[in-house]
C-alpha atoms as a PDB file:
ATOM      1  CA  MET A   1      -0.039  -0.099  -0.061  1.00  0.00           C
ATOM      2  CA  LEU A   2       2.784   2.403   0.526  1.00  0.00           C
ATOM      3  CA  SER A   3       4.313   4.660  -2.132  1.00  0.00           C
ATOM      4  CA  ARG A   4       7.826   3.739  -3.323  1.00  0.00           C
ATOM      5  CA  ARG A   5       9.332   6.974  -2.015  1.00  0.00           C
ATOM      6  CA  VAL A   6       7.799   6.471   1.557  1.00  0.00           C
ATOM      7  CA  SER A   7       9.090   2.801   1.551  1.00  0.00           C
ATOM      8  CA  GLU A   8      12.412   3.814   0.723  1.00  0.00           C
ATOM      9  CA  ALA A   9      12.549   6.518   3.337  1.00  0.00           C
ATOM     10  CA  LEU A  10      11.195   3.991   5.949  1.00  0.00           C
ATOM     11  CA  ALA A  11      13.964   1.549   4.949  1.00  0.00           C
ATOM     12  CA  ALA A  12      16.503   4.445   5.271  1.00  0.00           C
ATOM     13  CA  GLY A  13      15.486   4.397   9.053  1.00  0.00           C
ATOM     14  CA  ILE A  14      14.736   7.945   9.203  1.00  0.00           C
ATOM     15  CA  SER A  15      13.220   9.536  12.332  1.00  0.00           C
ATOM     16  CA  TYR A  16      13.508  12.710  14.355  1.00  0.00           C
ATOM     17  CA  PRO A  17      16.001  12.242  17.138  1.00  0.00           C
ATOM     18  CA  LEU A  18      13.777  13.276  20.025  1.00  0.00           C
ATOM     19  CA  ALA A  19      15.167  13.645  23.545  1.00  0.00           C
ATOM     20  CA  ALA A  20      14.566  10.531  25.374  1.00  0.00           C
ATOM     21  CA  GLU A  21      12.921  12.451  28.398  1.00  0.00           C
ATOM     22  CA  TYR A  22      11.226  15.066  26.248  1.00  0.00           C
ATOM     23  CA  ASP A  23       8.926  17.379  28.209  1.00  0.00           C
ATOM     24  CA  VAL A  24       8.459  15.109  31.439  1.00  0.00           C
ATOM     25  CA  GLY A  25       8.123  18.203  33.735  1.00  0.00           C
ATOM     26  CA  ALA A  26      11.775  18.319  34.485  1.00  0.00           C
ATOM     27  CA  ARG A  27      13.053  21.161  36.783  1.00  0.00           C
ATOM     28  CA  VAL A  28      15.628  22.600  34.290  1.00  0.00           C
ATOM     29  CA  LYS A  29      14.880  21.756  30.491  1.00  0.00           C
ATOM     30  CA  LEU A  30      17.825  22.897  28.439  1.00  0.00           C
ATOM     31  CA  SER A  31      17.298  20.181  25.767  1.00  0.00           C
ATOM     32  CA  SER A  32      15.066  21.915  23.083  1.00  0.00           C
ATOM     33  CA  ASN A  33      16.463  25.354  22.430  1.00  0.00           C
ATOM     34  CA  GLU A  34      13.285  27.288  23.685  1.00  0.00           C
ATOM     35  CA  SER A  35      13.040  30.836  24.933  1.00  0.00           C
ATOM     36  CA  PRO A  36      14.167  31.167  28.415  1.00  0.00           C
ATOM     37  CA  LEU A  37      11.705  34.030  29.002  1.00  0.00           C
ATOM     38  CA  GLY A  38       8.735  32.774  27.059  1.00  0.00           C
ATOM     39  CA  PRO A  39       6.488  34.976  24.711  1.00  0.00           C
ATOM     40  CA  SER A  40       5.871  38.595  25.289  1.00  0.00           C
ATOM     41  CA  PRO A  41       2.890  39.440  27.551  1.00  0.00           C
ATOM     42  CA  LYS A  42       1.500  41.056  24.547  1.00  0.00           C
ATOM     43  CA  VAL A  43       1.329  37.774  22.911  1.00  0.00           C
ATOM     44  CA  ILE A  44      -0.607  36.327  25.624  1.00  0.00           C
ATOM     45  CA  GLU A  45      -3.154  39.020  25.514  1.00  0.00           C
ATOM     46  CA  ALA A  46      -3.502  38.754  21.803  1.00  0.00           C
ATOM     47  CA  VAL A  47      -4.098  34.899  22.055  1.00  0.00           C
ATOM     48  CA  LYS A  48      -6.910  35.391  24.662  1.00  0.00           C
ATOM     49  CA  ARG A  49      -8.534  38.004  22.490  1.00  0.00           C
ATOM     50  CA  GLU A  50      -8.459  35.842  19.306  1.00  0.00           C
ATOM     51  CA  ALA A  51      -9.737  32.747  21.063  1.00  0.00           C
ATOM     52  CA  ARG A  52     -12.971  34.388  21.022  1.00  0.00           C
ATOM     53  CA  ARG A  53     -13.095  33.803  17.298  1.00  0.00           C
ATOM     54  CA  LEU A  54     -12.145  30.149  17.047  1.00  0.00           C
ATOM     55  CA  SER A  55     -15.211  29.309  15.313  1.00  0.00           C
ATOM     56  CA  ARG A  56     -13.831  31.279  12.273  1.00  0.00           C
ATOM     57  CA  TYR A  57     -11.234  29.820   9.836  1.00  0.00           C
ATOM     58  CA  PRO A  58      -7.840  31.665   9.918  1.00  0.00           C
ATOM     59  CA  ASP A  59      -6.850  34.227   6.949  1.00  0.00           C
ATOM     60  CA  PRO A  60      -5.541  31.778   4.365  1.00  0.00           C
ATOM     61  CA  GLN A  61      -3.191  34.590   3.105  1.00  0.00           C
ATOM     62  CA  ALA A  62      -1.974  35.473   6.770  1.00  0.00           C
ATOM     63  CA  LYS A  63      -2.099  39.149   5.190  1.00  0.00           C
ATOM     64  CA  GLU A  64      -1.453  40.861   8.425  1.00  0.00           C
ATOM     65  CA  LEU A  65       1.296  38.642   9.565  1.00  0.00           C
ATOM     66  CA  LYS A  66       3.339  38.956   6.221  1.00  0.00           C
ATOM     67  CA  LEU A  67       2.781  42.807   6.471  1.00  0.00           C
ATOM     68  CA  ALA A  68       4.373  42.735  10.022  1.00  0.00           C
ATOM     69  CA  ILE A  69       7.118  40.401   8.576  1.00  0.00           C
ATOM     70  CA  SER A  70       7.642  42.831   5.778  1.00  0.00           C
ATOM     71  CA  GLU A  71       8.169  45.624   8.153  1.00  0.00           C
ATOM     72  CA  TYR A  72      10.337  43.600  10.344  1.00  0.00           C
ATOM     73  CA  LEU A  73      12.710  42.568   7.789  1.00  0.00           C
ATOM     74  CA  LYS A  74      12.246  45.195   5.102  1.00  0.00           C
ATOM     75  CA  VAL A  75      11.346  42.827   2.434  1.00  0.00           C
ATOM     76  CA  ASP A  76       8.309  43.035   0.054  1.00  0.00           C
ATOM     77  CA  VAL A  77       5.139  41.242   1.061  1.00  0.00           C
ATOM     78  CA  ASP A  78       5.181  39.260  -2.186  1.00  0.00           C
ATOM     79  CA  CYS A  79       8.606  37.731  -0.982  1.00  0.00           C
ATOM     80  CA  ILE A  80       7.015  35.897   2.182  1.00  0.00           C
ATOM     81  CA  THR A  81       5.223  32.806   2.546  1.00  0.00           C
ATOM     82  CA  ILE A  82       3.890  31.325   5.928  1.00  0.00           C
ATOM     83  CA  GLY A  83       4.326  27.828   7.249  1.00  0.00           C
ATOM     84  CA  ASN A  84       3.062  25.813   9.976  1.00  0.00           C
ATOM     85  CA  GLY A  85       6.706  25.827  11.486  1.00  0.00           C
ATOM     86  CA  SER A  86       9.764  25.510   9.391  1.00  0.00           C
ATOM     87  CA  ASP A  87       8.927  22.009   9.065  1.00  0.00           C
ATOM     88  CA  GLU A  88       6.207  22.449   6.723  1.00  0.00           C
ATOM     89  CA  LEU A  89       8.274  24.898   4.569  1.00  0.00           C
ATOM     90  CA  LEU A  90      11.024  22.240   4.369  1.00  0.00           C
ATOM     91  CA  ASP A  91       8.413  19.769   3.012  1.00  0.00           C
ATOM     92  CA  LEU A  92       7.063  22.303   0.626  1.00  0.00           C
ATOM     93  CA  VAL A  93      10.639  23.036  -0.710  1.00  0.00           C
ATOM     94  CA  CYS A  94      11.224  19.496  -1.470  1.00  0.00           C
ATOM     95  CA  LYS A  95       7.822  19.035  -2.882  1.00  0.00           C
ATOM     96  CA  ALA A  96       8.441  22.007  -5.196  1.00  0.00           C
ATOM     97  CA  PHE A  97      12.123  21.347  -6.388  1.00  0.00           C
ATOM     98  CA  LEU A  98      13.069  17.862  -5.971  1.00  0.00           C
ATOM     99  CA  ASP A  99      12.181  15.071  -8.389  1.00  0.00           C
ATOM    100  CA  PRO A 100      12.531  11.415  -7.184  1.00  0.00           C
ATOM    101  CA  GLY A 101      16.250  10.542  -7.176  1.00  0.00           C
ATOM    102  CA  ASP A 102      17.443  14.099  -6.994  1.00  0.00           C
ATOM    103  CA  ARG A 103      20.076  14.723  -4.643  1.00  0.00           C
ATOM    104  CA  ALA A 104      20.146  17.318  -1.709  1.00  0.00           C
ATOM    105  CA  VAL A 105      23.466  18.349  -0.057  1.00  0.00           C
ATOM    106  CA  ILE A 106      23.071  18.067   3.734  1.00  0.00           C
ATOM    107  CA  PRO A 107      26.048  19.094   5.864  1.00  0.00           C
ATOM    108  CA  VAL A 108      26.223  17.116   9.067  1.00  0.00           C
ATOM    109  CA  PRO A 109      25.756  17.125  11.867  1.00  0.00           C
ATOM    110  CA  THR A 110      22.574  19.303  11.416  1.00  0.00           C
ATOM    111  CA  PHE A 111      18.843  19.614  11.762  1.00  0.00           C
ATOM    112  CA  ALA A 112      17.433  16.100  11.000  1.00  0.00           C
ATOM    113  CA  MET A 113      14.409  17.431   9.195  1.00  0.00           C
ATOM    114  CA  TYR A 114      16.319  18.302   6.316  1.00  0.00           C
ATOM    115  CA  GLU A 115      17.043  14.666   5.732  1.00  0.00           C
ATOM    116  CA  ILE A 116      13.610  13.532   6.498  1.00  0.00           C
ATOM    117  CA  ALA A 117      11.929  16.151   4.303  1.00  0.00           C
ATOM    118  CA  CYS A 118      14.251  15.086   1.417  1.00  0.00           C
ATOM    119  CA  ARG A 119      13.713  11.211   1.893  1.00  0.00           C
ATOM    120  CA  VAL A 120      10.017  11.439   2.183  1.00  0.00           C
ATOM    121  CA  ASN A 121       9.677  13.332  -1.169  1.00  0.00           C
ATOM    122  CA  GLY A 122      11.725  11.012  -2.915  1.00  0.00           C
ATOM    123  CA  GLY A 123      15.092  12.917  -2.801  1.00  0.00           C
ATOM    124  CA  VAL A 124      18.638  11.394  -1.995  1.00  0.00           C
ATOM    125  CA  PRO A 125      20.367  13.195   0.881  1.00  0.00           C
ATOM    126  CA  LYS A 126      24.129  13.945  -0.094  1.00  0.00           C
ATOM    127  CA  PHE A 127      25.726  14.261   3.302  1.00  0.00           C
ATOM    128  CA  VAL A 128      28.903  16.400   3.675  1.00  0.00           C
ATOM    129  CA  GLU A 129      30.746  15.936   6.804  1.00  0.00           C
ATOM    130  CA  LEU A 130      31.656  19.213   8.672  1.00  0.00           C
ATOM    131  CA  GLU A 131      35.139  18.453   9.217  1.00  0.00           C
ATOM    132  CA  GLY A 132      36.324  19.810  12.852  1.00  0.00           C
ATOM    133  CA  PHE A 133      32.624  21.160  12.713  1.00  0.00           C
ATOM    134  CA  GLY A 134      33.911  23.842  10.407  1.00  0.00           C
ATOM    135  CA  TRP A 135      32.647  25.151   7.051  1.00  0.00           C
ATOM    136  CA  ASP A 136      34.341  24.511   3.862  1.00  0.00           C
ATOM    137  CA  ALA A 137      32.602  26.054   1.025  1.00  0.00           C
ATOM    138  CA  SER A 138      34.882  24.176  -1.514  1.00  0.00           C
ATOM    139  CA  ALA A 139      33.704  20.714  -0.251  1.00  0.00           C
ATOM    140  CA  LEU A 140      29.865  22.056  -0.485  1.00  0.00           C
ATOM    141  CA  VAL A 141      30.352  23.566  -3.886  1.00  0.00           C
ATOM    142  CA  ASP A 142      31.860  20.187  -5.044  1.00  0.00           C
ATOM    143  CA  ALA A 143      28.944  18.389  -3.612  1.00  0.00           C
ATOM    144  CA  LEU A 144      26.548  20.704  -5.465  1.00  0.00           C
ATOM    145  CA  ALA A 145      27.769  19.802  -8.753  1.00  0.00           C
ATOM    146  CA  ASN A 146      25.772  16.698  -8.917  1.00  0.00           C
ATOM    147  CA  ALA A 147      22.818  17.859  -6.622  1.00  0.00           C
ATOM    148  CA  LYS A 148      19.679  19.909  -7.044  1.00  0.00           C
ATOM    149  CA  LEU A 149      19.911  21.925  -3.992  1.00  0.00           C
ATOM    150  CA  ALA A 150      21.523  22.320  -0.514  1.00  0.00           C
ATOM    151  CA  PHE A 151      20.226  22.818   3.019  1.00  0.00           C
ATOM    152  CA  ILE A 152      22.357  25.159   5.212  1.00  0.00           C
ATOM    153  CA  GLY A 153      21.774  25.893   8.805  1.00  0.00           C
ATOM    154  CA  ARG A 154      22.999  29.457   9.724  1.00  0.00           C
ATOM    155  CA  PRO A 155      23.681  29.200  12.628  1.00  0.00           C
ATOM    156  CA  ASN A 156      23.710  25.553  12.460  1.00  0.00           C
ATOM    157  CA  ASN A 157      22.063  23.184  14.796  1.00  0.00           C
ATOM    158  CA  PRO A 158      23.654  21.548  16.687  1.00  0.00           C
ATOM    159  CA  THR A 159      27.146  23.129  16.006  1.00  0.00           C
ATOM    160  CA  GLY A 160      26.135  26.853  16.759  1.00  0.00           C
ATOM    161  CA  ASN A 161      28.133  28.308  13.737  1.00  0.00           C
ATOM    162  CA  GLY A 162      27.586  28.679  10.099  1.00  0.00           C
ATOM    163  CA  PRO A 163      29.116  29.718   6.998  1.00  0.00           C
ATOM    164  CA  SER A 164      29.943  33.286   6.117  1.00  0.00           C
ATOM    165  CA  SER A 165      27.952  35.324   3.767  1.00  0.00           C
ATOM    166  CA  LYS A 166      30.836  35.083   1.341  1.00  0.00           C
ATOM    167  CA  GLN A 167      30.776  31.411   1.710  1.00  0.00           C
ATOM    168  CA  VAL A 168      27.088  31.297   0.816  1.00  0.00           C
ATOM    169  CA  ARG A 169      27.575  33.634  -2.025  1.00  0.00           C
ATOM    170  CA  ARG A 170      30.008  30.814  -3.409  1.00  0.00           C
ATOM    171  CA  LEU A 171      27.264  28.348  -3.100  1.00  0.00           C
ATOM    172  CA  LEU A 172      24.725  30.627  -4.974  1.00  0.00           C
ATOM    173  CA  ALA A 173      27.330  31.074  -7.796  1.00  0.00           C
ATOM    174  CA  SER A 174      26.636  27.404  -8.462  1.00  0.00           C
ATOM    175  CA  GLY A 175      23.123  28.297  -9.822  1.00  0.00           C
ATOM    176  CA  LYS A 176      21.670  25.492  -7.594  1.00  0.00           C
ATOM    177  CA  LEU A 177      18.931  26.232  -5.001  1.00  0.00           C
ATOM    178  CA  VAL A 178      20.468  27.128  -1.742  1.00  0.00           C
ATOM    179  CA  VAL A 179      17.867  27.007   1.382  1.00  0.00           C
ATOM    180  CA  VAL A 180      19.346  28.748   4.480  1.00  0.00           C
ATOM    181  CA  ASP A 181      17.756  27.959   7.673  1.00  0.00           C
ATOM    182  CA  GLU A 182      17.895  31.072   9.967  1.00  0.00           C
ATOM    183  CA  ALA A 183      15.930  29.670  13.053  1.00  0.00           C
ATOM    184  CA  TYR A 184      18.655  31.134  15.371  1.00  0.00           C
ATOM    185  CA  ALA A 185      19.304  34.496  13.382  1.00  0.00           C
ATOM    186  CA  GLU A 186      18.155  36.787  16.066  1.00  0.00           C
ATOM    187  CA  PHE A 187      20.797  35.376  18.378  1.00  0.00           C
ATOM    188  CA  ALA A 188      23.443  35.762  15.852  1.00  0.00           C
ATOM    189  CA  GLY A 189      22.527  39.190  14.479  1.00  0.00           C
ATOM    190  CA  TYR A 190      22.795  38.598  10.755  1.00  0.00           C
ATOM    191  CA  THR A 191      20.389  37.639   7.948  1.00  0.00           C
ATOM    192  CA  LEU A 192      20.403  36.906   4.315  1.00  0.00           C
ATOM    193  CA  ALA A 193      16.677  37.760   4.051  1.00  0.00           C
ATOM    194  CA  GLY A 194      17.146  40.914   2.007  1.00  0.00           C
ATOM    195  CA  LEU A 195      19.492  38.923  -0.480  1.00  0.00           C
ATOM    196  CA  ALA A 196      17.029  36.003  -0.742  1.00  0.00           C
ATOM    197  CA  ALA A 197      14.083  38.637  -1.899  1.00  0.00           C
ATOM    198  CA  ARG A 198      16.577  39.408  -5.021  1.00  0.00           C
ATOM    199  CA  GLU A 199      18.406  36.013  -5.820  1.00  0.00           C
ATOM    200  CA  GLU A 200      16.160  33.455  -7.436  1.00  0.00           C
ATOM    201  CA  ASN A 201      18.223  30.527  -6.130  1.00  0.00           C
ATOM    202  CA  LEU A 202      18.231  31.691  -2.328  1.00  0.00           C
ATOM    203  CA  LEU A 203      15.474  30.816  -0.075  1.00  0.00           C
ATOM    204  CA  VAL A 204      15.697  31.892   3.532  1.00  0.00           C
ATOM    205  CA  LEU A 205      13.631  30.209   6.162  1.00  0.00           C
ATOM    206  CA  ARG A 206      12.900  31.630   9.726  1.00  0.00           C
ATOM    207  CA  THR A 207      10.829  30.904  12.712  1.00  0.00           C
ATOM    208  CA  PHE A 208       8.957  32.457  15.651  1.00  0.00           C
ATOM    209  CA  SER A 209       9.820  29.526  17.767  1.00  0.00           C
ATOM    210  CA  LYS A 210      13.252  30.534  19.148  1.00  0.00           C
ATOM    211  CA  ALA A 211      13.880  34.217  20.186  1.00  0.00           C
ATOM    212  CA  PHE A 212      10.084  35.111  19.987  1.00  0.00           C
ATOM    213  CA  GLY A 213       9.011  32.040  22.236  1.00  0.00           C
ATOM    214  CA  LEU A 214       6.161  30.620  20.191  1.00  0.00           C
ATOM    215  CA  ALA A 215       7.467  27.067  19.747  1.00  0.00           C
ATOM    216  CA  GLY A 216       4.072  25.672  20.802  1.00  0.00           C
ATOM    217  CA  LEU A 217       2.212  27.612  18.168  1.00  0.00           C
ATOM    218  CA  ARG A 218       4.299  26.428  14.997  1.00  0.00           C
ATOM    219  CA  VAL A 219       4.905  29.434  12.858  1.00  0.00           C
ATOM    220  CA  GLY A 220       7.528  29.863  10.414  1.00  0.00           C
ATOM    221  CA  TYR A 221       8.000  31.735   7.306  1.00  0.00           C
ATOM    222  CA  ALA A 222      10.187  31.843   4.227  1.00  0.00           C
ATOM    223  CA  ILE A 223      11.744  34.768   2.329  1.00  0.00           C
ATOM    224  CA  GLY A 224      12.470  34.370  -1.489  1.00  0.00           C
ATOM    225  CA  THR A 225      11.868  36.068  -4.717  1.00  0.00           C
ATOM    226  CA  PRO A 226       8.205  36.535  -5.712  1.00  0.00           C
ATOM    227  CA  GLU A 227       8.475  33.687  -8.314  1.00  0.00           C
ATOM    228  CA  VAL A 228       9.680  31.337  -5.980  1.00  0.00           C
ATOM    229  CA  VAL A 229       7.210  32.354  -3.276  1.00  0.00           C
ATOM    230  CA  LYS A 230       4.484  32.154  -5.709  1.00  0.00           C
ATOM    231  CA  VAL A 231       5.316  28.373  -6.280  1.00  0.00           C
ATOM    232  CA  LEU A 232       5.275  27.573  -2.555  1.00  0.00           C
ATOM    233  CA  GLU A 233       2.103  29.585  -1.948  1.00  0.00           C
ATOM    234  CA  SER A 234       0.354  27.440  -4.750  1.00  0.00           C
ATOM    235  CA  ILE A 235       1.121  24.204  -3.173  1.00  0.00           C
ATOM    236  CA  ARG A 236       0.580  24.786   0.308  1.00  0.00           C
ATOM    237  CA  MET A 237      -2.431  23.643   2.124  1.00  0.00           C
ATOM    238  CA  PRO A 238      -5.174  26.481   2.763  1.00  0.00           C
ATOM    239  CA  PHE A 239      -5.511  27.590   6.448  1.00  0.00           C
ATOM    240  CA  ASN A 240      -2.259  25.976   7.263  1.00  0.00           C
ATOM    241  CA  VAL A 241      -1.421  28.620  10.049  1.00  0.00           C
ATOM    242  CA  ASN A 242      -4.141  28.593  12.594  1.00  0.00           C
ATOM    243  CA  ARG A 243      -5.912  31.767  13.978  1.00  0.00           C
ATOM    244  CA  LEU A 244      -3.986  31.894  17.340  1.00  0.00           C
ATOM    245  CA  ALA A 245      -0.596  31.246  15.756  1.00  0.00           C
ATOM    246  CA  GLN A 246      -1.041  34.299  13.327  1.00  0.00           C
ATOM    247  CA  ALA A 247      -2.323  36.604  16.138  1.00  0.00           C
ATOM    248  CA  ALA A 248       0.517  35.654  18.381  1.00  0.00           C
ATOM    249  CA  ALA A 249       3.214  36.185  15.660  1.00  0.00           C
ATOM    250  CA  VAL A 250       1.815  39.561  14.901  1.00  0.00           C
ATOM    251  CA  ALA A 251       1.781  40.827  18.438  1.00  0.00           C
ATOM    252  CA  ALA A 252       5.287  39.204  18.842  1.00  0.00           C
ATOM    253  CA  LEU A 253       6.615  41.562  16.064  1.00  0.00           C
ATOM    254  CA  ARG A 254       4.906  44.509  17.773  1.00  0.00           C
ATOM    255  CA  ASP A 255       6.878  43.924  20.841  1.00  0.00           C
ATOM    256  CA  LEU A 256      10.454  43.672  19.660  1.00  0.00           C
ATOM    257  CA  ARG A 257      11.744  45.018  23.008  1.00  0.00           C
ATOM    258  CA  HIS A 258      10.699  41.686  24.584  1.00  0.00           C
ATOM    259  CA  MET A 259      12.553  39.833  21.626  1.00  0.00           C
ATOM    260  CA  ARG A 260      15.629  41.934  22.344  1.00  0.00           C
ATOM    261  CA  ARG A 261      15.593  41.189  26.153  1.00  0.00           C
ATOM    262  CA  VAL A 262      15.516  37.471  25.363  1.00  0.00           C
ATOM    263  CA  VAL A 263      18.544  37.866  22.816  1.00  0.00           C
ATOM    264  CA  ALA A 264      20.381  39.963  25.551  1.00  0.00           C
ATOM    265  CA  LEU A 265      19.710  37.337  28.286  1.00  0.00           C
ATOM    266  CA  VAL A 266      20.786  34.464  25.953  1.00  0.00           C
ATOM    267  CA  ARG A 267      24.093  36.177  24.977  1.00  0.00           C
ATOM    268  CA  ARG A 268      25.157  36.822  28.463  1.00  0.00           C
ATOM    269  CA  GLY A 269      24.098  33.235  29.562  1.00  0.00           C
ATOM    270  CA  ARG A 270      26.018  31.823  26.440  1.00  0.00           C
ATOM    271  CA  GLU A 271      29.098  33.335  27.509  1.00  0.00           C
ATOM    272  CA  TYR A 272      28.692  32.249  31.164  1.00  0.00           C
ATOM    273  CA  LEU A 273      28.111  28.716  30.176  1.00  0.00           C
ATOM    274  CA  ARG A 274      30.858  28.670  27.820  1.00  0.00           C
ATOM    275  CA  ARG A 275      33.242  29.905  30.378  1.00  0.00           C
ATOM    276  CA  GLU A 276      32.099  28.045  33.279  1.00  0.00           C
ATOM    277  CA  LEU A 277      31.716  24.545  31.339  1.00  0.00           C
ATOM    278  CA  SER A 278      35.348  25.036  29.968  1.00  0.00           C
ATOM    279  CA  LYS A 279      36.337  25.416  33.561  1.00  0.00           C
ATOM    280  CA  LEU A 280      35.050  21.976  34.437  1.00  0.00           C
ATOM    281  CA  GLY A 281      36.866  20.471  31.499  1.00  0.00           C
ATOM    282  CA  LEU A 282      34.353  20.097  28.571  1.00  0.00           C
ATOM    283  CA  ARG A 283      35.472  21.204  25.213  1.00  0.00           C
ATOM    284  CA  VAL A 284      32.920  24.001  24.130  1.00  0.00           C
ATOM    285  CA  LEU A 285      32.429  24.868  20.475  1.00  0.00           C
ATOM    286  CA  PRO A 286      31.941  28.540  19.536  1.00  0.00           C
ATOM    287  CA  SER A 287      28.211  29.427  19.195  1.00  0.00           C
ATOM    288  CA  GLU A 288      26.289  32.234  17.610  1.00  0.00           C
ATOM    289  CA  ALA A 289      22.845  30.452  18.565  1.00  0.00           C
ATOM    290  CA  ASN A 290      20.716  29.988  21.875  1.00  0.00           C
ATOM    291  CA  PHE A 291      22.732  26.852  22.468  1.00  0.00           C
ATOM    292  CA  LEU A 292      26.219  25.513  23.005  1.00  0.00           C
ATOM    293  CA  MET A 293      27.620  21.921  21.652  1.00  0.00           C
ATOM    294  CA  ALA A 294      30.140  20.510  23.955  1.00  0.00           C
ATOM    295  CA  ASP A 295      32.519  17.417  23.967  1.00  0.00           C
ATOM    296  CA  VAL A 296      32.143  15.663  27.398  1.00  0.00           C
ATOM    297  CA  ARG A 297      34.860  13.091  26.867  1.00  0.00           C
ATOM    298  CA  PRO A 298      37.416  14.976  28.568  1.00  0.00           C
ATOM    299  CA  ILE A 299      35.658  14.607  31.896  1.00  0.00           C
ATOM    300  CA  GLY A 300      35.417  10.907  31.481  1.00  0.00           C
ATOM    301  CA  ALA A 301      31.995  10.628  30.082  1.00  0.00           C
ATOM    302  CA  SER A 302      29.890   9.608  27.176  1.00  0.00           C
ATOM    303  CA  ALA A 303      26.823  11.995  26.226  1.00  0.00           C
ATOM    304  CA  PRO A 304      24.335   9.104  27.141  1.00  0.00           C
ATOM    305  CA  GLU A 305      25.853   8.746  30.760  1.00  0.00           C
ATOM    306  CA  LEU A 306      26.103  12.564  31.327  1.00  0.00           C
ATOM    307  CA  CYS A 307      22.402  13.025  30.052  1.00  0.00           C
ATOM    308  CA  ARG A 308      21.125  10.218  32.112  1.00  0.00           C
ATOM    309  CA  PHE A 309      22.792  11.531  35.440  1.00  0.00           C
ATOM    310  CA  LEU A 310      21.553  14.993  34.817  1.00  0.00           C
ATOM    311  CA  ALA A 311      17.999  13.801  34.083  1.00  0.00           C
ATOM    312  CA  GLY A 312      17.756  11.937  37.372  1.00  0.00           C
ATOM    313  CA  ARG A 313      18.390  15.382  39.066  1.00  0.00           C
ATOM    314  CA  GLY A 314      15.569  16.937  36.933  1.00  0.00           C
ATOM    315  CA  ILE A 315      17.979  18.682  34.448  1.00  0.00           C
ATOM    316  CA  LEU A 316      17.714  17.918  30.514  1.00  0.00           C
ATOM    317  CA  ILE A 317      20.096  18.647  27.996  1.00  0.00           C
ATOM    318  CA  ARG A 318      20.423  17.006  24.487  1.00  0.00           C
ATOM    319  CA  ASP A 319      22.292  13.968  23.945  1.00  0.00           C
ATOM    320  CA  LEU A 320      23.703  14.048  20.514  1.00  0.00           C
ATOM    321  CA  SER A 321      24.242  10.358  19.826  1.00  0.00           C
ATOM    322  CA  GLY A 322      21.226  10.212  17.448  1.00  0.00           C
ATOM    323  CA  PHE A 323      22.525  13.250  15.464  1.00  0.00           C
ATOM    324  CA  ARG A 324      24.312  11.918  12.218  1.00  0.00           C
ATOM    325  CA  GLY A 325      27.882  13.185  12.334  1.00  0.00           C
ATOM    326  CA  ALA A 326      27.994  13.974  15.886  1.00  0.00           C
ATOM    327  CA  GLY A 327      28.513  10.988  18.188  1.00  0.00           C
ATOM    328  CA  GLU A 328      28.384   9.696  21.804  1.00  0.00           C
ATOM    329  CA  GLY A 329      30.847  12.365  23.020  1.00  0.00           C
ATOM    330  CA  TYR A 330      28.804  15.272  22.459  1.00  0.00           C
ATOM    331  CA  VAL A 331      25.848  17.186  24.009  1.00  0.00           C
ATOM    332  CA  ARG A 332      23.798  20.249  23.231  1.00  0.00           C
ATOM    333  CA  ILE A 333      22.889  22.529  25.916  1.00  0.00           C
ATOM    334  CA  SER A 334      20.110  25.290  25.527  1.00  0.00           C
ATOM    335  CA  VAL A 335      20.802  28.560  27.294  1.00  0.00           C
ATOM    336  CA  GLY A 336      18.369  29.029  30.197  1.00  0.00           C
ATOM    337  CA  THR A 337      17.731  31.689  32.783  1.00  0.00           C
ATOM    338  CA  ARG A 338      20.668  32.527  34.974  1.00  0.00           C
ATOM    339  CA  GLU A 339      19.313  30.326  37.679  1.00  0.00           C
ATOM    340  CA  GLU A 340      18.762  27.275  35.232  1.00  0.00           C
ATOM    341  CA  ASN A 341      22.247  27.932  33.837  1.00  0.00           C
ATOM    342  CA  GLU A 342      23.706  27.619  37.418  1.00  0.00           C
ATOM    343  CA  GLN A 343      21.882  24.540  38.051  1.00  0.00           C
ATOM    344  CA  LEU A 344      23.166  22.874  35.138  1.00  0.00           C
ATOM    345  CA  VAL A 345      26.766  23.900  36.088  1.00  0.00           C
ATOM    346  CA  GLY A 346      26.237  22.452  39.380  1.00  0.00           C
ATOM    347  CA  GLY A 347      24.703  19.223  38.155  1.00  0.00           C
ATOM    348  CA  ILE A 348      27.881  18.741  36.095  1.00  0.00           C
ATOM    349  CA  LYS A 349      30.091  19.419  39.024  1.00  0.00           C
ATOM    350  CA  GLN A 350      28.073  16.845  40.898  1.00  0.00           C
ATOM    351  CA  PHE A 351      28.712  14.447  38.055  1.00  0.00           C
ATOM    352  CA  LYS A 352      32.542  14.857  38.197  1.00  0.00           C
ATOM    353  CA  GLU A 353      32.359  14.217  41.933  1.00  0.00           C
ATOM    354  CA  VAL A 354      30.528  10.945  41.392  1.00  0.00           C
ATOM    355  CA  VAL A 355      32.911   9.669  39.019  1.00  0.00           C
ATOM    356  CA  GLY A 356      35.931  10.757  40.991  1.00  0.00           C
ATOM    357  CA  LEU A 357      37.136  13.585  38.616  1.00  0.00           C
END
């Protein structure tokens, strides 16, 4: 009964590497890169108001939200399409631009949904290992020679770094479609959105899940040329972003002060964690996002061991064993509030004491 493309995807063993202890009421949850402050109070009020209208379908064109994004990023409304999270947009990109058997370049380690969206739509992932977790534009350009498109995280999850704009332009020179995922762009302070509105083979994906704290409502958007956006608009499902989500995203963009408070808090916390974790002996990778990737082997641990120990004390971080290209030595730690960060550091100190380090 299954289609060939889905059968092949299942045979490849694809699955999203969910955290084993996902959302079980932990005291400190630093495993999913969520906002440490949550959404703006203005968002909560907007959702309450909009809840009175739940019997009505949402605006299928999300016109008010597109206008708010247009003002935020200084791009034309015709260059924006809205998705039910970035996941839906990834699926639409693959539906629109991949034929069965086409290859998609995917640097690893990275966000698992790139591979899942590719395989489910009949594409073939072409993995490029990020040697030393750094970015080599030449290797990516070479890989693109026999591929249809590339998925690039900027900053990349879970490494926290990303290619420079110059490196991205080298990829664009190939003429192939380059999909740049900017889920963490607010924390990094850079974007290619303006370029995407002009370059026909660049598509930028963004989200309200991270800096704006709307992960539970699933709102993402893509920036591209009007021609590319028109294609995505024509194949997406109507009413794909619900009424509450649209209202919340508009309200979030009307309170940029709150978002900037979140970004400032994360940047301070990121530096604190980098410093303290390094003192404890972990090897911490540089990051421009709201998380840190760290090698725990220098403290005599594997990622599963450390994560289990911390989970037993109500502290959740991400075991990267299930991330292609990472391995059992690495964890990803979201930046939390000051108190959460301090509890995480204290938990790792306890681990070292228990194992006698």
